[in-house]
Amino acid sequence: MIMKRFILQPIVTVMMVILVLSVNVRGQDLSFTIQLDKTSYNKGDTVKCKMTLKNISNNNLVVNNRFLVNYPGGPHEISFLIIDPGLKSVQFSSMINASSKSEHFMVLPAGKTETKTYILSEDFELTEKGNYSITGYYDNHFDAPVSLKMRSAWKGILISNKVNFTIN
């Protein structure tokens, strides 16, 4: 089962990139940015990533703020493309048991942000010394559960800024 996932994960990653390039990415309402706590780490250091979703519209928006990180083919709101020093994709290594539908939605007022911090080094093997790059993807295709009595949620895919970092 695990071997099957490692074989399928690169295929799913490529499919996600193609999907992102072919989908009408709705960046006019929201922006998604990532920021690492440092630009250089020693092998074995904790690598923290701050993820920020910002409402850049003039309207309040309903957004999915679960920020579940997973590989692109699994249930998620966030996925990362990390490129290692050998120019290969670093694979997501955890097994996530979660629903594809989130119960975590909020009204994000115009001009405001929602942030979460995620520890990349817990789910990605960042052991090769050298230069890395990371890009994040915020992905929501669902509305809030009816019980939350919210209007339709923002749906689409956002691509973050690219961040470079080094493992010494």
N, C-alpha and C. Protein backbone atom coordinates (compact mmCIF):
# COMPACT_ATOMS: atom_id res chain seq x y z
N MET A 1 0.83 -1.19 0.00
CA MET A 1 0.00 0.00 0.00
C MET A 1 0.87 1.25 0.00
N ILE A 2 1.89 1.29 0.88
CA ILE A 2 2.77 2.44 0.94
C ILE A 2 3.56 2.57 -0.36
N MET A 3 4.05 1.45 -0.91
CA MET A 3 4.81 1.48 -2.15
C MET A 3 3.94 2.01 -3.29
N LYS A 4 2.69 1.61 -3.32
CA LYS A 4 1.77 2.07 -4.35
C LYS A 4 1.61 3.58 -4.29
N ARG A 5 1.53 4.14 -3.06
CA ARG A 5 1.40 5.59 -2.90
C ARG A 5 2.65 6.30 -3.40
N PHE A 6 3.83 5.77 -3.13
CA PHE A 6 5.07 6.40 -3.58
C PHE A 6 5.21 6.35 -5.10
N ILE A 7 4.62 5.36 -5.73
CA ILE A 7 4.64 5.29 -7.19
C ILE A 7 3.64 6.27 -7.77
N LEU A 8 2.47 6.37 -7.16
CA LEU A 8 1.42 7.24 -7.68
C LEU A 8 1.63 8.72 -7.35
N GLN A 9 2.35 9.02 -6.25
CA GLN A 9 2.49 10.40 -5.83
C GLN A 9 3.15 11.29 -6.88
N PRO A 10 4.25 10.89 -7.54
CA PRO A 10 4.80 11.76 -8.59
C PRO A 10 3.83 11.99 -9.74
N ILE A 11 3.06 10.98 -10.08
CA ILE A 11 2.07 11.13 -11.14
C ILE A 11 1.00 12.13 -10.73
N VAL A 12 0.54 12.03 -9.49
CA VAL A 12 -0.48 12.95 -8.99
C VAL A 12 0.08 14.37 -8.94
N THR A 13 1.34 14.53 -8.55
CA THR A 13 1.96 15.85 -8.51
C THR A 13 1.98 16.49 -9.89
N VAL A 14 2.37 15.72 -10.90
CA VAL A 14 2.39 16.24 -12.27
C VAL A 14 0.98 16.59 -12.71
N MET A 15 0.00 15.75 -12.38
CA MET A 15 -1.39 16.02 -12.75
C MET A 15 -1.88 17.31 -12.09
N MET A 16 -1.47 17.54 -10.82
CA MET A 16 -1.90 18.75 -10.13
C MET A 16 -1.30 19.99 -10.81
N VAL A 17 -0.05 19.93 -11.20
CA VAL A 17 0.57 21.06 -11.89
C VAL A 17 -0.16 21.35 -13.19
N ILE A 18 -0.50 20.31 -13.93
CA ILE A 18 -1.25 20.50 -15.18
C ILE A 18 -2.62 21.10 -14.89
N LEU A 19 -3.29 20.61 -13.85
CA LEU A 19 -4.59 21.15 -13.46
C LEU A 19 -4.49 22.62 -13.09
N VAL A 20 -3.49 22.96 -12.29
CA VAL A 20 -3.30 24.35 -11.87
C VAL A 20 -3.08 25.24 -13.09
N LEU A 21 -2.30 24.77 -14.05
CA LEU A 21 -2.01 25.58 -15.22
C LEU A 21 -3.22 25.72 -16.15
N SER A 22 -4.14 24.76 -16.08
CA SER A 22 -5.29 24.81 -16.99
C SER A 22 -6.55 25.38 -16.34
N VAL A 23 -6.58 25.51 -15.02
CA VAL A 23 -7.75 26.02 -14.31
C VAL A 23 -7.69 27.55 -14.26
N ASN A 24 -8.85 28.16 -14.26
CA ASN A 24 -8.92 29.60 -14.08
C ASN A 24 -8.63 29.89 -12.61
N VAL A 25 -7.41 30.25 -12.30
CA VAL A 25 -7.00 30.49 -10.92
C VAL A 25 -7.55 31.83 -10.47
N ARG A 26 -8.40 31.78 -9.44
CA ARG A 26 -9.10 32.98 -8.98
C ARG A 26 -8.27 33.71 -7.94
N GLY A 27 -7.26 34.43 -8.35
CA GLY A 27 -6.42 35.15 -7.43
C GLY A 27 -6.86 36.58 -7.20
N GLN A 28 -7.94 37.02 -7.84
CA GLN A 28 -8.36 38.40 -7.69
C GLN A 28 -9.03 38.66 -6.34
N ASP A 29 -9.50 37.64 -5.65
CA ASP A 29 -10.18 37.81 -4.37
C ASP A 29 -9.27 37.52 -3.18
N LEU A 30 -8.40 36.55 -3.35
CA LEU A 30 -7.53 36.09 -2.26
C LEU A 30 -6.10 35.99 -2.75
N SER A 31 -5.17 36.09 -1.82
CA SER A 31 -3.77 35.76 -2.13
C SER A 31 -3.30 34.75 -1.09
N PHE A 32 -2.38 33.90 -1.49
CA PHE A 32 -1.82 32.89 -0.61
C PHE A 32 -0.31 33.02 -0.67
N THR A 33 0.31 33.26 0.47
CA THR A 33 1.77 33.39 0.53
C THR A 33 2.34 32.47 1.60
N ILE A 34 3.60 32.12 1.39
CA ILE A 34 4.31 31.32 2.39
C ILE A 34 5.60 32.03 2.76
N GLN A 35 6.05 31.77 3.97
CA GLN A 35 7.29 32.36 4.46
C GLN A 35 7.93 31.36 5.43
N LEU A 36 9.21 31.07 5.23
CA LEU A 36 9.93 30.20 6.15
C LEU A 36 10.51 31.03 7.28
N ASP A 37 10.76 30.39 8.42
CA ASP A 37 11.30 31.12 9.57
C ASP A 37 12.77 31.50 9.38
N LYS A 38 13.47 30.81 8.47
CA LYS A 38 14.87 31.12 8.16
C LYS A 38 15.12 30.80 6.69
N THR A 39 16.27 31.21 6.19
CA THR A 39 16.64 30.87 4.82
C THR A 39 17.69 29.76 4.77
N SER A 40 18.28 29.45 5.92
CA SER A 40 19.33 28.44 5.98
C SER A 40 19.13 27.59 7.23
N TYR A 41 19.22 26.28 7.07
CA TYR A 41 19.02 25.34 8.16
C TYR A 41 20.16 24.34 8.19
N ASN A 42 20.45 23.83 9.38
CA ASN A 42 21.36 22.70 9.49
C ASN A 42 20.55 21.42 9.33
N LYS A 43 21.18 20.39 8.83
CA LYS A 43 20.51 19.10 8.66
C LYS A 43 19.90 18.68 10.00
N GLY A 44 18.61 18.35 9.98
CA GLY A 44 17.91 17.94 11.19
C GLY A 44 17.16 19.06 11.90
N ASP A 45 17.36 20.32 11.48
CA ASP A 45 16.64 21.45 12.08
C ASP A 45 15.15 21.36 11.77
N THR A 46 14.36 21.98 12.60
CA THR A 46 12.93 22.13 12.35
C THR A 46 12.74 23.26 11.33
N VAL A 47 12.00 22.95 10.26
CA VAL A 47 11.74 23.94 9.21
C VAL A 47 10.27 24.34 9.32
N LYS A 48 10.03 25.60 9.73
CA LYS A 48 8.68 26.11 9.92
C LYS A 48 8.27 26.97 8.75
N CYS A 49 7.02 26.78 8.32
CA CYS A 49 6.46 27.54 7.20
C CYS A 49 5.19 28.25 7.66
N LYS A 50 5.19 29.57 7.54
CA LYS A 50 4.01 30.36 7.85
C LYS A 50 3.20 30.51 6.56
N MET A 51 1.93 30.12 6.60
CA MET A 51 1.03 30.19 5.45
C MET A 51 0.03 31.31 5.72
N THR A 52 -0.15 32.20 4.75
CA THR A 52 -1.05 33.33 4.93
C THR A 52 -2.04 33.42 3.77
N LEU A 53 -3.30 33.41 4.14
CA LEU A 53 -4.39 33.60 3.18
C LEU A 53 -4.92 35.02 3.44
N LYS A 54 -4.89 35.87 2.42
CA LYS A 54 -5.32 37.26 2.59
C LYS A 54 -6.48 37.59 1.66
N ASN A 55 -7.48 38.23 2.22
CA ASN A 55 -8.62 38.70 1.44
C ASN A 55 -8.23 40.03 0.81
N ILE A 56 -7.97 40.04 -0.49
CA ILE A 56 -7.57 41.27 -1.18
C ILE A 56 -8.74 41.90 -1.93
N SER A 57 -9.94 41.39 -1.68
CA SER A 57 -11.14 41.97 -2.31
C SER A 57 -11.72 43.05 -1.41
N ASN A 58 -12.78 43.65 -1.85
CA ASN A 58 -13.49 44.65 -1.04
C ASN A 58 -14.69 44.04 -0.30
N ASN A 59 -14.82 42.72 -0.39
CA ASN A 59 -15.96 42.03 0.22
C ASN A 59 -15.49 41.02 1.24
N ASN A 60 -16.34 40.74 2.22
CA ASN A 60 -16.08 39.64 3.14
C ASN A 60 -16.24 38.33 2.38
N LEU A 61 -15.33 37.39 2.60
CA LEU A 61 -15.38 36.10 1.90
C LEU A 61 -15.43 34.95 2.88
N VAL A 62 -16.19 33.92 2.55
CA VAL A 62 -16.18 32.69 3.33
C VAL A 62 -15.02 31.84 2.79
N VAL A 63 -14.13 31.44 3.70
CA VAL A 63 -12.96 30.66 3.29
C VAL A 63 -12.83 29.41 4.16
N ASN A 64 -12.20 28.41 3.60
CA ASN A 64 -11.88 27.17 4.30
C ASN A 64 -10.57 27.42 5.03
N ASN A 65 -10.59 27.41 6.35
CA ASN A 65 -9.38 27.70 7.11
C ASN A 65 -8.85 26.48 7.87
N ARG A 66 -9.16 25.30 7.38
CA ARG A 66 -8.59 24.09 7.99
C ARG A 66 -7.10 24.01 7.71
N PHE A 67 -6.67 24.38 6.51
CA PHE A 67 -5.26 24.37 6.11
C PHE A 67 -4.63 22.99 6.28
N LEU A 68 -5.38 21.95 5.94
CA LEU A 68 -4.84 20.58 6.03
C LEU A 68 -3.80 20.39 4.94
N VAL A 69 -2.60 20.01 5.34
CA VAL A 69 -1.51 19.75 4.40
C VAL A 69 -1.49 18.26 4.09
N ASN A 70 -1.37 17.94 2.80
CA ASN A 70 -1.31 16.56 2.37
C ASN A 70 -0.71 16.55 0.96
N TYR A 71 -0.48 15.36 0.43
CA TYR A 71 -0.04 15.28 -0.96
C TYR A 71 -1.24 15.63 -1.85
N PRO A 72 -1.02 16.10 -3.07
CA PRO A 72 -2.11 16.64 -3.90
C PRO A 72 -3.26 15.68 -4.16
N GLY A 73 -3.04 14.38 -4.16
CA GLY A 73 -4.11 13.43 -4.45
C GLY A 73 -4.95 13.07 -3.25
N GLY A 74 -4.53 13.48 -2.06
CA GLY A 74 -5.28 13.16 -0.85
C GLY A 74 -6.13 14.34 -0.41
N PRO A 75 -6.95 14.14 0.64
CA PRO A 75 -7.74 15.26 1.14
C PRO A 75 -6.80 16.36 1.63
N HIS A 76 -7.05 17.60 1.22
CA HIS A 76 -6.16 18.69 1.60
C HIS A 76 -6.78 20.04 1.25
N GLU A 77 -6.25 21.07 1.88
CA GLU A 77 -6.44 22.43 1.42
C GLU A 77 -5.08 22.99 0.97
N ILE A 78 -4.03 22.44 1.53
CA ILE A 78 -2.68 22.90 1.23
C ILE A 78 -1.84 21.73 0.74
N SER A 79 -1.08 21.97 -0.31
CA SER A 79 -0.04 21.03 -0.74
C SER A 79 1.19 21.85 -1.10
N PHE A 80 2.32 21.21 -1.05
CA PHE A 80 3.58 21.89 -1.34
C PHE A 80 4.33 21.15 -2.43
N LEU A 81 4.99 21.92 -3.25
CA LEU A 81 5.94 21.38 -4.22
C LEU A 81 7.31 21.84 -3.74
N ILE A 82 8.09 20.87 -3.24
CA ILE A 82 9.44 21.16 -2.76
C ILE A 82 10.41 20.50 -3.73
N ILE A 83 11.34 21.28 -4.21
CA ILE A 83 12.37 20.79 -5.14
C ILE A 83 13.69 20.72 -4.39
N ASP A 84 14.33 19.55 -4.42
CA ASP A 84 15.58 19.35 -3.68
C ASP A 84 16.80 19.77 -4.52
N PRO A 85 18.01 19.68 -3.95
CA PRO A 85 19.20 20.10 -4.68
C PRO A 85 19.45 19.33 -5.98
N GLY A 86 18.93 18.11 -6.10
CA GLY A 86 19.06 17.32 -7.32
C GLY A 86 17.94 17.60 -8.31
N LEU A 87 17.15 18.64 -8.04
CA LEU A 87 16.02 19.07 -8.88
C LEU A 87 14.91 18.02 -8.97
N LYS A 88 14.77 17.23 -7.90
CA LYS A 88 13.68 16.26 -7.80
C LYS A 88 12.67 16.76 -6.78
N SER A 89 11.42 16.34 -6.95
CA SER A 89 10.35 16.69 -6.03
C SER A 89 10.53 15.89 -4.73
N VAL A 90 10.45 16.57 -3.59
CA VAL A 90 10.51 15.91 -2.29
C VAL A 90 9.10 15.43 -1.97
N GLN A 91 8.95 14.15 -1.71
CA GLN A 91 7.63 13.57 -1.52
C GLN A 91 7.10 13.78 -0.09
N PHE A 92 5.81 13.99 0.02
CA PHE A 92 5.12 14.07 1.30
C PHE A 92 5.16 12.68 1.91
N SER A 93 5.58 12.54 3.17
CA SER A 93 5.86 11.21 3.71
C SER A 93 4.86 10.71 4.76
N SER A 94 3.91 11.52 5.18
CA SER A 94 2.98 11.08 6.22
C SER A 94 1.75 10.41 5.62
N MET A 95 1.08 9.63 6.45
CA MET A 95 -0.21 9.04 6.09
C MET A 95 -1.29 9.85 6.80
N ILE A 96 -2.13 10.52 6.04
CA ILE A 96 -3.16 11.39 6.60
C ILE A 96 -4.51 10.68 6.53
N ASN A 97 -5.20 10.63 7.67
CA ASN A 97 -6.53 10.04 7.72
C ASN A 97 -7.50 11.18 8.01
N ALA A 98 -8.04 11.78 6.94
CA ALA A 98 -8.94 12.92 7.09
C ALA A 98 -9.98 12.88 5.99
N SER A 99 -11.07 13.56 6.24
CA SER A 99 -12.12 13.69 5.23
C SER A 99 -11.71 14.73 4.20
N SER A 100 -12.18 14.54 2.99
CA SER A 100 -11.91 15.56 1.97
C SER A 100 -12.76 16.80 2.21
N LYS A 101 -13.85 16.67 2.95
CA LYS A 101 -14.71 17.82 3.25
C LYS A 101 -14.37 18.38 4.62
N SER A 102 -14.10 19.67 4.64
CA SER A 102 -13.72 20.36 5.87
C SER A 102 -14.94 20.89 6.61
N GLU A 103 -14.84 20.96 7.91
CA GLU A 103 -15.86 21.58 8.75
C GLU A 103 -15.37 22.96 9.21
N HIS A 104 -14.19 23.38 8.75
CA HIS A 104 -13.52 24.59 9.23
C HIS A 104 -13.65 25.72 8.20
N PHE A 105 -14.62 26.56 8.41
CA PHE A 105 -14.84 27.72 7.54
C PHE A 105 -15.01 28.95 8.41
N MET A 106 -14.68 30.08 7.84
CA MET A 106 -14.82 31.35 8.55
C MET A 106 -15.12 32.46 7.54
N VAL A 107 -15.62 33.56 8.04
CA VAL A 107 -15.77 34.76 7.22
C VAL A 107 -14.46 35.54 7.38
N LEU A 108 -13.79 35.75 6.26
CA LEU A 108 -12.54 36.53 6.25
C LEU A 108 -12.87 37.93 5.74
N PRO A 109 -12.83 38.93 6.64
CA PRO A 109 -13.18 40.29 6.23
C PRO A 109 -12.21 40.84 5.18
N ALA A 110 -12.70 41.79 4.39
CA ALA A 110 -11.88 42.44 3.37
C ALA A 110 -10.62 43.00 4.01
N GLY A 111 -9.47 42.73 3.38
CA GLY A 111 -8.19 43.23 3.85
C GLY A 111 -7.55 42.46 4.98
N LYS A 112 -8.23 41.45 5.52
CA LYS A 112 -7.71 40.70 6.67
C LYS A 112 -7.03 39.40 6.21
N THR A 113 -6.29 38.81 7.14
CA THR A 113 -5.55 37.58 6.84
C THR A 113 -5.88 36.48 7.84
N GLU A 114 -5.66 35.25 7.40
CA GLU A 114 -5.73 34.05 8.25
C GLU A 114 -4.38 33.37 8.08
N THR A 115 -3.70 33.08 9.18
CA THR A 115 -2.37 32.46 9.09
C THR A 115 -2.31 31.19 9.92
N LYS A 116 -1.49 30.27 9.46
CA LYS A 116 -1.20 29.04 10.20
C LYS A 116 0.29 28.75 10.00
N THR A 117 0.89 28.12 10.98
CA THR A 117 2.28 27.70 10.86
C THR A 117 2.31 26.18 10.75
N TYR A 118 3.14 25.70 9.86
CA TYR A 118 3.24 24.27 9.57
C TYR A 118 4.71 23.88 9.63
N ILE A 119 4.99 22.74 10.24
CA ILE A 119 6.37 22.26 10.32
C ILE A 119 6.63 21.31 9.16
N LEU A 120 7.33 21.83 8.15
CA LEU A 120 7.62 21.06 6.93
C LEU A 120 8.47 19.84 7.22
N SER A 121 9.43 19.97 8.11
CA SER A 121 10.39 18.90 8.36
C SER A 121 9.76 17.67 9.01
N GLU A 122 8.52 17.75 9.46
CA GLU A 122 7.84 16.58 10.02
C GLU A 122 7.27 15.67 8.93
N ASP A 123 6.94 16.24 7.77
CA ASP A 123 6.28 15.47 6.72
C ASP A 123 7.05 15.40 5.40
N PHE A 124 8.16 16.08 5.33
CA PHE A 124 9.01 16.05 4.13
C PHE A 124 10.43 15.74 4.56
N GLU A 125 11.07 14.83 3.85
CA GLU A 125 12.44 14.46 4.16
C GLU A 125 13.39 15.48 3.54
N LEU A 126 13.86 16.38 4.38
CA LEU A 126 14.74 17.46 3.94
C LEU A 126 16.15 17.17 4.46
N THR A 127 16.78 16.13 3.92
CA THR A 127 18.05 15.66 4.46
C THR A 127 19.24 15.87 3.54
N GLU A 128 18.99 16.11 2.28
CA GLU A 128 20.09 16.32 1.34
C GLU A 128 20.61 17.75 1.49
N LYS A 129 21.91 17.89 1.60
CA LYS A 129 22.49 19.23 1.72
C LYS A 129 22.42 19.95 0.37
N GLY A 130 22.13 21.26 0.44
CA GLY A 130 22.08 22.06 -0.77
C GLY A 130 20.89 23.00 -0.79
N ASN A 131 20.59 23.49 -1.99
CA ASN A 131 19.54 24.49 -2.19
C ASN A 131 18.20 23.84 -2.54
N TYR A 132 17.16 24.31 -1.89
CA TYR A 132 15.79 23.84 -2.11
C TYR A 132 14.92 25.02 -2.52
N SER A 133 13.78 24.69 -3.11
CA SER A 133 12.74 25.70 -3.33
C SER A 133 11.41 25.09 -2.95
N ILE A 134 10.49 25.94 -2.54
CA ILE A 134 9.15 25.48 -2.14
C ILE A 134 8.10 26.45 -2.66
N THR A 135 7.03 25.88 -3.16
CA THR A 135 5.85 26.63 -3.58
C THR A 135 4.64 25.96 -2.93
N GLY A 136 3.71 26.76 -2.43
CA GLY A 136 2.52 26.22 -1.80
C GLY A 136 1.30 26.41 -2.67
N TYR A 137 0.31 25.56 -2.44
CA TYR A 137 -0.96 25.61 -3.18
C TYR A 137 -2.10 25.57 -2.18
N TYR A 138 -2.97 26.57 -2.22
CA TYR A 138 -4.20 26.59 -1.43
C TYR A 138 -5.30 26.15 -2.37
N ASP A 139 -6.11 25.17 -1.93
CA ASP A 139 -7.05 24.51 -2.83
C ASP A 139 -8.36 24.25 -2.08
N ASN A 140 -9.44 24.92 -2.47
CA ASN A 140 -10.75 24.65 -1.86
C ASN A 140 -11.80 24.51 -2.95
N HIS A 141 -12.59 23.44 -2.84
CA HIS A 141 -13.67 23.20 -3.81
C HIS A 141 -15.00 22.91 -3.12
N PHE A 142 -15.08 23.25 -1.83
CA PHE A 142 -16.28 22.93 -1.06
C PHE A 142 -16.88 24.16 -0.41
N ASP A 143 -18.16 24.07 -0.11
CA ASP A 143 -18.84 25.07 0.71
C ASP A 143 -18.83 24.61 2.15
N ALA A 144 -19.09 25.54 3.04
CA ALA A 144 -19.20 25.21 4.46
C ALA A 144 -20.40 24.29 4.66
N PRO A 145 -20.35 23.43 5.68
CA PRO A 145 -21.52 22.60 5.97
C PRO A 145 -22.77 23.47 6.20
N VAL A 146 -23.91 22.97 5.81
CA VAL A 146 -25.18 23.70 5.94
C VAL A 146 -25.40 24.14 7.39
N SER A 147 -24.96 23.34 8.34
CA SER A 147 -25.17 23.65 9.76
C SER A 147 -24.48 24.96 10.18
N LEU A 148 -23.46 25.39 9.44
CA LEU A 148 -22.77 26.64 9.78
C LEU A 148 -23.49 27.87 9.25
N LYS A 149 -24.48 27.66 8.39
CA LYS A 149 -25.33 28.74 7.85
C LYS A 149 -24.50 29.89 7.27
N MET A 150 -23.58 29.53 6.39
CA MET A 150 -22.74 30.53 5.72
C MET A 150 -23.07 30.54 4.24
N ARG A 151 -22.83 31.68 3.62
CA ARG A 151 -23.04 31.75 2.17
C ARG A 151 -21.96 30.92 1.48
N SER A 152 -22.03 30.86 0.18
CA SER A 152 -21.10 30.07 -0.62
C SER A 152 -19.65 30.48 -0.33
N ALA A 153 -18.78 29.48 -0.22
CA ALA A 153 -17.37 29.73 0.07
C ALA A 153 -16.60 30.04 -1.21
N TRP A 154 -15.46 30.71 -1.04
CA TRP A 154 -14.54 30.93 -2.16
C TRP A 154 -14.02 29.57 -2.60
N LYS A 155 -13.98 29.35 -3.90
CA LYS A 155 -13.49 28.07 -4.44
C LYS A 155 -12.47 28.34 -5.52
N GLY A 156 -11.43 27.52 -5.54
CA GLY A 156 -10.40 27.64 -6.55
C GLY A 156 -9.05 27.18 -6.02
N ILE A 157 -8.03 27.47 -6.78
CA ILE A 157 -6.66 27.11 -6.43
C ILE A 157 -5.81 28.37 -6.48
N LEU A 158 -5.02 28.58 -5.44
CA LEU A 158 -4.08 29.70 -5.40
C LEU A 158 -2.67 29.16 -5.33
N ILE A 159 -1.76 29.78 -6.04
CA ILE A 159 -0.36 29.40 -6.01
C ILE A 159 0.40 30.46 -5.24
N SER A 160 1.21 30.04 -4.29
CA SER A 160 1.98 30.97 -3.47
C SER A 160 3.21 31.48 -4.20
N ASN A 161 3.90 32.34 -3.52
CA ASN A 161 5.23 32.76 -3.93
C ASN A 161 6.19 31.57 -3.80
N LYS A 162 7.30 31.61 -4.50
CA LYS A 162 8.33 30.58 -4.40
C LYS A 162 9.37 31.05 -3.39
N VAL A 163 9.75 30.15 -2.47
CA VAL A 163 10.73 30.47 -1.44
C VAL A 163 11.92 29.53 -1.59
N ASN A 164 13.11 30.09 -1.53
CA ASN A 164 14.33 29.31 -1.61
C ASN A 164 14.94 29.19 -0.21
N PHE A 165 15.53 28.03 0.09
CA PHE A 165 16.21 27.83 1.35
C PHE A 165 17.33 26.81 1.17
N THR A 166 18.21 26.74 2.15
CA THR A 166 19.39 25.88 2.08
C THR A 166 19.45 24.96 3.29
N ILE A 167 19.86 23.72 3.06
CA ILE A 167 20.16 22.79 4.14
C ILE A 167 21.68 22.62 4.15
N ASN A 168 22.30 22.93 5.29
CA ASN A 168 23.77 22.81 5.44
C ASN A 168 24.17 21.47 6.03
